[in-house]
Amino acid sequence: QVRLMESGGGSVQSGGSLRLSCAASGYSYRRSCMGWFRQVPGKEREGVAAIGSDGSTSYAESVTGRFAISQDNAGNTLYLVMNSLKPEDTALYYCAAVPADECVTTDKALGAMRRGVFVSWGQGTQVTVSS
């Protein structure tokens, strides 16, 4: 059974940084592509970042240049480094495993996460950015 568990969320001031981690058990990220999405109550889910098995990455326009997705060599831990955080980044952040047929490109994987197409996802970690 695939289990994903996020950590690293918290409260920071605008301009601050956080690093989110996602630990996987029963699954290797190398099998497919992985990503982070965020959810704010009352708003559409947003695919934030995706990484392919070849290391290719894609980002939502809203975070490009500020966030960076990466994974460890073993493919067991996924990271999201978030810099220059803004109040509009406040959300519940989830990591997700995306089905292989949605991983043809990492841009497609972002779209899959926005539509809620996952193999598995974690319980989420809250990020709150104050102005």
N, C-alpha and C. Protein backbone atom coordinates (compact mmCIF):
# COMPACT_ATOMS: atom_id res chain seq x y z
N GLN A 1 0.84 -1.18 0.00
CA GLN A 1 0.00 0.00 0.00
C GLN A 1 0.89 1.24 0.00
N VAL A 2 0.57 2.19 -0.87
CA VAL A 2 1.34 3.42 -0.97
C VAL A 2 0.89 4.38 0.11
N ARG A 3 1.84 4.89 0.84
CA ARG A 3 1.53 5.90 1.85
C ARG A 3 2.47 7.08 1.66
N LEU A 4 1.91 8.26 1.67
CA LEU A 4 2.68 9.49 1.55
C LEU A 4 2.41 10.35 2.77
N MET A 5 3.43 10.93 3.32
CA MET A 5 3.26 11.76 4.52
C MET A 5 4.08 13.03 4.39
N GLU A 6 3.38 14.17 4.43
CA GLU A 6 4.03 15.46 4.31
C GLU A 6 4.44 15.99 5.67
N SER A 7 5.46 16.84 5.66
CA SER A 7 5.88 17.55 6.87
C SER A 7 6.57 18.84 6.45
N GLY A 8 6.80 19.71 7.42
CA GLY A 8 7.57 20.92 7.15
C GLY A 8 6.75 22.19 7.03
N GLY A 9 5.44 22.07 7.09
CA GLY A 9 4.63 23.28 7.02
C GLY A 9 4.79 24.13 8.27
N GLY A 10 4.23 25.32 8.23
CA GLY A 10 4.31 26.19 9.39
C GLY A 10 3.84 27.58 9.06
N SER A 11 4.11 28.49 9.97
CA SER A 11 3.71 29.89 9.78
C SER A 11 4.96 30.73 9.61
N VAL A 12 4.98 31.55 8.58
CA VAL A 12 6.12 32.43 8.31
C VAL A 12 5.61 33.79 7.87
N GLN A 13 6.48 34.75 7.93
CA GLN A 13 6.13 36.08 7.43
C GLN A 13 6.41 36.16 5.93
N SER A 14 5.75 37.10 5.31
CA SER A 14 5.96 37.32 3.88
C SER A 14 7.44 37.51 3.59
N GLY A 15 7.92 36.83 2.55
CA GLY A 15 9.33 36.87 2.20
C GLY A 15 10.14 35.74 2.79
N GLY A 16 9.54 34.99 3.69
CA GLY A 16 10.24 33.89 4.33
C GLY A 16 10.30 32.64 3.47
N SER A 17 10.89 31.59 4.04
CA SER A 17 11.08 30.34 3.31
C SER A 17 10.67 29.15 4.16
N LEU A 18 10.27 28.10 3.49
CA LEU A 18 9.97 26.83 4.13
C LEU A 18 10.41 25.71 3.19
N ARG A 19 10.69 24.55 3.79
CA ARG A 19 10.94 23.37 2.99
C ARG A 19 9.98 22.27 3.41
N LEU A 20 9.19 21.83 2.48
CA LEU A 20 8.28 20.73 2.73
C LEU A 20 8.93 19.42 2.32
N SER A 21 8.62 18.37 3.07
CA SER A 21 9.11 17.03 2.74
C SER A 21 7.92 16.09 2.62
N CYS A 22 8.10 15.07 1.81
CA CYS A 22 7.07 14.04 1.65
C CYS A 22 7.76 12.69 1.64
N ALA A 23 7.48 11.90 2.66
CA ALA A 23 8.07 10.58 2.77
C ALA A 23 7.12 9.53 2.23
N ALA A 24 7.66 8.63 1.44
CA ALA A 24 6.85 7.57 0.84
C ALA A 24 7.20 6.22 1.43
N SER A 25 6.19 5.42 1.63
CA SER A 25 6.42 4.02 2.02
C SER A 25 5.60 3.15 1.09
N GLY A 26 6.18 2.03 0.72
CA GLY A 26 5.51 1.13 -0.19
C GLY A 26 5.50 1.64 -1.61
N TYR A 27 6.37 2.61 -1.90
CA TYR A 27 6.33 3.24 -3.22
C TYR A 27 7.65 3.94 -3.46
N SER A 28 8.12 3.91 -4.69
CA SER A 28 9.29 4.67 -5.06
C SER A 28 8.89 5.73 -6.08
N TYR A 29 9.30 6.94 -5.80
CA TYR A 29 8.96 8.02 -6.70
C TYR A 29 9.47 7.75 -8.11
N ARG A 30 10.51 6.94 -8.19
CA ARG A 30 11.13 6.72 -9.49
C ARG A 30 10.19 5.99 -10.45
N ARG A 31 9.13 5.39 -9.92
CA ARG A 31 8.23 4.63 -10.78
C ARG A 31 7.35 5.53 -11.63
N SER A 32 7.13 6.70 -11.17
CA SER A 32 6.18 7.56 -11.86
C SER A 32 6.61 9.00 -11.66
N CYS A 33 5.70 9.91 -11.79
CA CYS A 33 6.03 11.29 -11.49
C CYS A 33 5.27 11.72 -10.25
N MET A 34 5.84 12.69 -9.59
CA MET A 34 5.32 13.14 -8.31
C MET A 34 5.10 14.65 -8.35
N GLY A 35 4.35 15.11 -7.41
CA GLY A 35 4.14 16.55 -7.40
C GLY A 35 3.57 17.04 -6.11
N TRP A 36 3.42 18.33 -6.05
CA TRP A 36 2.78 19.02 -4.93
C TRP A 36 1.60 19.82 -5.46
N PHE A 37 0.52 19.75 -4.74
CA PHE A 37 -0.60 20.63 -5.06
C PHE A 37 -1.06 21.30 -3.78
N ARG A 38 -1.83 22.35 -3.91
CA ARG A 38 -2.31 23.06 -2.72
C ARG A 38 -3.79 23.33 -2.84
N GLN A 39 -4.39 23.45 -1.68
CA GLN A 39 -5.84 23.61 -1.63
C GLN A 39 -6.19 24.66 -0.60
N VAL A 40 -7.02 25.60 -1.02
CA VAL A 40 -7.57 26.60 -0.12
C VAL A 40 -9.08 26.42 -0.14
N PRO A 41 -9.73 26.35 1.01
CA PRO A 41 -11.19 26.17 1.03
C PRO A 41 -11.89 27.19 0.15
N GLY A 42 -12.77 26.70 -0.72
CA GLY A 42 -13.52 27.59 -1.58
C GLY A 42 -12.83 27.95 -2.87
N LYS A 43 -11.59 27.49 -3.04
CA LYS A 43 -10.85 27.79 -4.26
C LYS A 43 -10.49 26.50 -4.98
N GLU A 44 -10.19 26.63 -6.25
CA GLU A 44 -9.81 25.48 -7.06
C GLU A 44 -8.46 24.93 -6.61
N ARG A 45 -8.34 23.61 -6.64
CA ARG A 45 -7.06 22.97 -6.36
C ARG A 45 -6.03 23.46 -7.39
N GLU A 46 -4.81 23.67 -6.94
CA GLU A 46 -3.75 24.15 -7.84
C GLU A 46 -2.57 23.20 -7.82
N GLY A 47 -2.20 22.69 -8.96
CA GLY A 47 -0.97 21.93 -9.09
C GLY A 47 0.19 22.90 -9.01
N VAL A 48 1.07 22.71 -8.05
CA VAL A 48 2.14 23.69 -7.78
C VAL A 48 3.42 23.32 -8.50
N ALA A 49 3.83 22.05 -8.38
CA ALA A 49 5.09 21.62 -8.96
C ALA A 49 5.03 20.13 -9.22
N ALA A 50 5.72 19.70 -10.27
CA ALA A 50 5.78 18.27 -10.60
C ALA A 50 7.20 17.92 -11.03
N ILE A 51 7.57 16.67 -10.76
CA ILE A 51 8.89 16.19 -11.16
C ILE A 51 8.74 14.81 -11.79
N GLY A 52 9.40 14.62 -12.92
CA GLY A 52 9.32 13.35 -13.61
C GLY A 52 10.42 12.40 -13.16
N SER A 53 10.31 11.16 -13.60
CA SER A 53 11.31 10.15 -13.25
C SER A 53 12.67 10.48 -13.86
N ASP A 54 12.67 11.33 -14.88
CA ASP A 54 13.94 11.75 -15.49
C ASP A 54 14.47 13.05 -14.89
N GLY A 55 13.80 13.53 -13.87
CA GLY A 55 14.23 14.76 -13.20
C GLY A 55 13.67 16.04 -13.79
N SER A 56 12.90 15.93 -14.87
CA SER A 56 12.28 17.12 -15.45
C SER A 56 11.28 17.71 -14.46
N THR A 57 11.09 19.00 -14.52
CA THR A 57 10.20 19.68 -13.57
C THR A 57 9.29 20.67 -14.28
N SER A 58 8.16 20.93 -13.66
CA SER A 58 7.25 21.98 -14.12
C SER A 58 6.67 22.66 -12.90
N TYR A 59 6.32 23.92 -13.09
CA TYR A 59 5.79 24.71 -11.99
C TYR A 59 4.59 25.53 -12.44
N ALA A 60 3.70 25.77 -11.51
CA ALA A 60 2.63 26.72 -11.77
C ALA A 60 3.25 28.10 -11.96
N GLU A 61 2.62 28.89 -12.80
CA GLU A 61 3.14 30.23 -13.07
C GLU A 61 3.24 31.05 -11.79
N SER A 62 2.35 30.81 -10.87
CA SER A 62 2.30 31.60 -9.64
C SER A 62 3.49 31.36 -8.73
N VAL A 63 4.23 30.26 -8.94
CA VAL A 63 5.35 29.94 -8.05
C VAL A 63 6.67 29.85 -8.78
N THR A 64 6.66 29.97 -10.09
CA THR A 64 7.89 29.86 -10.88
C THR A 64 8.92 30.88 -10.41
N GLY A 65 10.12 30.38 -10.20
CA GLY A 65 11.20 31.25 -9.74
C GLY A 65 11.31 31.35 -8.23
N ARG A 66 10.30 30.85 -7.52
CA ARG A 66 10.30 30.92 -6.05
C ARG A 66 10.33 29.54 -5.41
N PHE A 67 9.71 28.57 -6.04
CA PHE A 67 9.63 27.21 -5.49
C PHE A 67 10.54 26.28 -6.30
N ALA A 68 11.03 25.24 -5.63
CA ALA A 68 11.84 24.23 -6.30
C ALA A 68 11.47 22.86 -5.78
N ILE A 69 11.17 21.95 -6.70
CA ILE A 69 10.84 20.58 -6.34
C ILE A 69 12.05 19.70 -6.59
N SER A 70 12.26 18.73 -5.72
CA SER A 70 13.37 17.81 -5.90
C SER A 70 13.04 16.50 -5.18
N GLN A 71 13.87 15.50 -5.39
CA GLN A 71 13.68 14.22 -4.72
C GLN A 71 15.04 13.63 -4.39
N ASP A 72 15.08 12.77 -3.40
CA ASP A 72 16.35 12.16 -3.05
C ASP A 72 16.68 11.06 -4.06
N ASN A 73 17.93 10.63 -4.06
CA ASN A 73 18.38 9.66 -5.06
C ASN A 73 17.65 8.33 -4.95
N ALA A 74 17.25 7.97 -3.75
CA ALA A 74 16.56 6.70 -3.56
C ALA A 74 15.10 6.77 -4.01
N GLY A 75 14.62 8.00 -4.23
CA GLY A 75 13.24 8.15 -4.65
C GLY A 75 12.24 7.91 -3.53
N ASN A 76 12.67 8.10 -2.30
CA ASN A 76 11.78 7.87 -1.17
C ASN A 76 11.27 9.15 -0.53
N THR A 77 11.92 10.27 -0.83
CA THR A 77 11.51 11.53 -0.23
C THR A 77 11.43 12.61 -1.29
N LEU A 78 10.34 13.32 -1.27
CA LEU A 78 10.10 14.42 -2.19
C LEU A 78 10.18 15.72 -1.40
N TYR A 79 10.74 16.75 -2.01
CA TYR A 79 10.88 18.04 -1.32
C TYR A 79 10.25 19.16 -2.14
N LEU A 80 9.88 20.20 -1.41
CA LEU A 80 9.47 21.44 -2.06
C LEU A 80 10.06 22.58 -1.25
N VAL A 81 11.04 23.26 -1.84
CA VAL A 81 11.62 24.43 -1.21
C VAL A 81 10.85 25.65 -1.68
N MET A 82 10.36 26.42 -0.73
CA MET A 82 9.54 27.58 -1.05
C MET A 82 10.23 28.82 -0.52
N ASN A 83 10.61 29.69 -1.42
CA ASN A 83 11.26 30.95 -1.07
C ASN A 83 10.36 32.13 -1.42
N SER A 84 10.69 33.28 -0.86
CA SER A 84 9.94 34.52 -1.13
C SER A 84 8.44 34.29 -1.00
N LEU A 85 8.06 33.66 0.08
CA LEU A 85 6.66 33.32 0.28
C LEU A 85 5.79 34.56 0.38
N LYS A 86 4.58 34.42 -0.15
CA LYS A 86 3.60 35.51 -0.16
C LYS A 86 2.34 35.06 0.58
N PRO A 87 1.56 35.99 1.08
CA PRO A 87 0.32 35.60 1.76
C PRO A 87 -0.58 34.73 0.88
N GLU A 88 -0.56 34.94 -0.42
CA GLU A 88 -1.40 34.13 -1.31
C GLU A 88 -0.90 32.69 -1.47
N ASP A 89 0.26 32.38 -0.90
CA ASP A 89 0.75 31.00 -0.88
C ASP A 89 0.14 30.22 0.28
N THR A 90 -0.58 30.88 1.14
CA THR A 90 -1.21 30.21 2.27
C THR A 90 -2.20 29.16 1.78
N ALA A 91 -2.00 27.92 2.21
CA ALA A 91 -2.83 26.81 1.74
C ALA A 91 -2.42 25.55 2.48
N LEU A 92 -3.22 24.52 2.27
CA LEU A 92 -2.85 23.18 2.70
C LEU A 92 -2.13 22.52 1.53
N TYR A 93 -0.90 22.09 1.76
CA TYR A 93 -0.07 21.55 0.70
C TYR A 93 -0.04 20.03 0.80
N TYR A 94 -0.23 19.37 -0.32
CA TYR A 94 -0.23 17.92 -0.40
C TYR A 94 0.82 17.47 -1.41
N CYS A 95 1.42 16.32 -1.12
CA CYS A 95 2.21 15.67 -2.16
C CYS A 95 1.35 14.56 -2.76
N ALA A 96 1.64 14.24 -3.99
CA ALA A 96 0.82 13.27 -4.70
C ALA A 96 1.67 12.48 -5.68
N ALA A 97 1.27 11.24 -5.88
CA ALA A 97 1.82 10.40 -6.94
C ALA A 97 0.82 10.44 -8.09
N VAL A 98 1.33 10.69 -9.28
CA VAL A 98 0.47 10.88 -10.46
C VAL A 98 0.54 9.63 -11.33
N PRO A 99 -0.59 9.18 -11.88
CA PRO A 99 -0.57 7.99 -12.73
C PRO A 99 0.38 8.14 -13.90
N ALA A 100 0.96 7.04 -14.30
CA ALA A 100 1.97 7.07 -15.37
C ALA A 100 1.43 7.68 -16.66
N ASP A 101 0.16 7.42 -16.98
CA ASP A 101 -0.37 7.94 -18.24
C ASP A 101 -0.59 9.46 -18.19
N GLU A 102 -0.48 10.04 -17.00
CA GLU A 102 -0.57 11.49 -16.87
C GLU A 102 0.80 12.12 -16.74
N CYS A 103 1.84 11.31 -16.90
CA CYS A 103 3.21 11.78 -16.68
C CYS A 103 4.00 11.88 -17.97
N VAL A 104 3.32 11.94 -19.09
CA VAL A 104 4.02 12.07 -20.37
C VAL A 104 4.90 13.32 -20.34
N THR A 105 4.38 14.36 -19.76
CA THR A 105 5.17 15.55 -19.47
C THR A 105 4.81 16.02 -18.07
N THR A 106 5.69 16.76 -17.46
CA THR A 106 5.40 17.26 -16.12
C THR A 106 4.33 18.35 -16.17
N ASP A 107 4.21 19.05 -17.30
CA ASP A 107 3.10 20.00 -17.45
C ASP A 107 1.76 19.27 -17.38
N LYS A 108 1.72 18.08 -18.02
CA LYS A 108 0.49 17.30 -17.96
C LYS A 108 0.22 16.83 -16.54
N ALA A 109 1.28 16.49 -15.82
CA ALA A 109 1.13 16.07 -14.43
C ALA A 109 0.54 17.19 -13.58
N LEU A 110 0.94 18.42 -13.82
CA LEU A 110 0.35 19.55 -13.10
C LEU A 110 -1.16 19.60 -13.35
N GLY A 111 -1.54 19.42 -14.61
CA GLY A 111 -2.95 19.42 -14.94
C GLY A 111 -3.70 18.29 -14.26
N ALA A 112 -3.07 17.12 -14.20
CA ALA A 112 -3.69 15.97 -13.55
C ALA A 112 -3.96 16.27 -12.08
N MET A 113 -3.00 16.89 -11.41
CA MET A 113 -3.19 17.21 -10.00
C MET A 113 -4.33 18.22 -9.84
N ARG A 114 -4.40 19.19 -10.75
CA ARG A 114 -5.49 20.17 -10.66
C ARG A 114 -6.85 19.48 -10.78
N ARG A 115 -6.90 18.46 -11.62
CA ARG A 115 -8.17 17.72 -11.81
C ARG A 115 -8.40 16.69 -10.72
N GLY A 116 -7.42 16.47 -9.87
CA GLY A 116 -7.60 15.49 -8.79
C GLY A 116 -7.30 14.07 -9.21
N VAL A 117 -6.46 13.89 -10.21
CA VAL A 117 -6.10 12.55 -10.70
C VAL A 117 -4.80 12.14 -10.02
N PHE A 118 -4.92 11.25 -9.03
CA PHE A 118 -3.76 10.80 -8.26
C PHE A 118 -3.76 9.29 -8.12
N VAL A 119 -2.56 8.74 -7.93
CA VAL A 119 -2.44 7.35 -7.46
C VAL A 119 -2.62 7.36 -5.95
N SER A 120 -2.00 8.34 -5.32
CA SER A 120 -2.08 8.46 -3.88
C SER A 120 -1.72 9.88 -3.50
N TRP A 121 -2.12 10.28 -2.33
CA TRP A 121 -1.76 11.60 -1.81
C TRP A 121 -1.70 11.54 -0.29
N GLY A 122 -1.03 12.53 0.31
CA GLY A 122 -0.85 12.54 1.75
C GLY A 122 -1.97 13.27 2.46
N GLN A 123 -1.73 13.52 3.75
CA GLN A 123 -2.75 14.16 4.57
C GLN A 123 -2.66 15.68 4.53
N GLY A 124 -1.59 16.19 3.96
CA GLY A 124 -1.43 17.63 3.83
C GLY A 124 -0.67 18.25 4.98
N THR A 125 -0.01 19.37 4.69
CA THR A 125 0.68 20.15 5.71
C THR A 125 0.35 21.62 5.46
N GLN A 126 -0.02 22.32 6.54
CA GLN A 126 -0.50 23.69 6.40
C GLN A 126 0.67 24.68 6.30
N VAL A 127 0.56 25.57 5.34
CA VAL A 127 1.50 26.67 5.20
C VAL A 127 0.71 27.97 5.34
N THR A 128 1.14 28.81 6.27
CA THR A 128 0.48 30.08 6.50
C THR A 128 1.51 31.20 6.40
N VAL A 129 1.24 32.14 5.52
CA VAL A 129 2.15 33.26 5.31
C VAL A 129 1.44 34.55 5.69
N SER A 130 2.01 35.26 6.63
CA SER A 130 1.40 36.50 7.09
C SER A 130 2.11 37.69 6.46
N SER A 131 1.34 38.76 6.27
CA SER A 131 1.92 39.96 5.63
C SER A 131 2.57 40.86 6.63
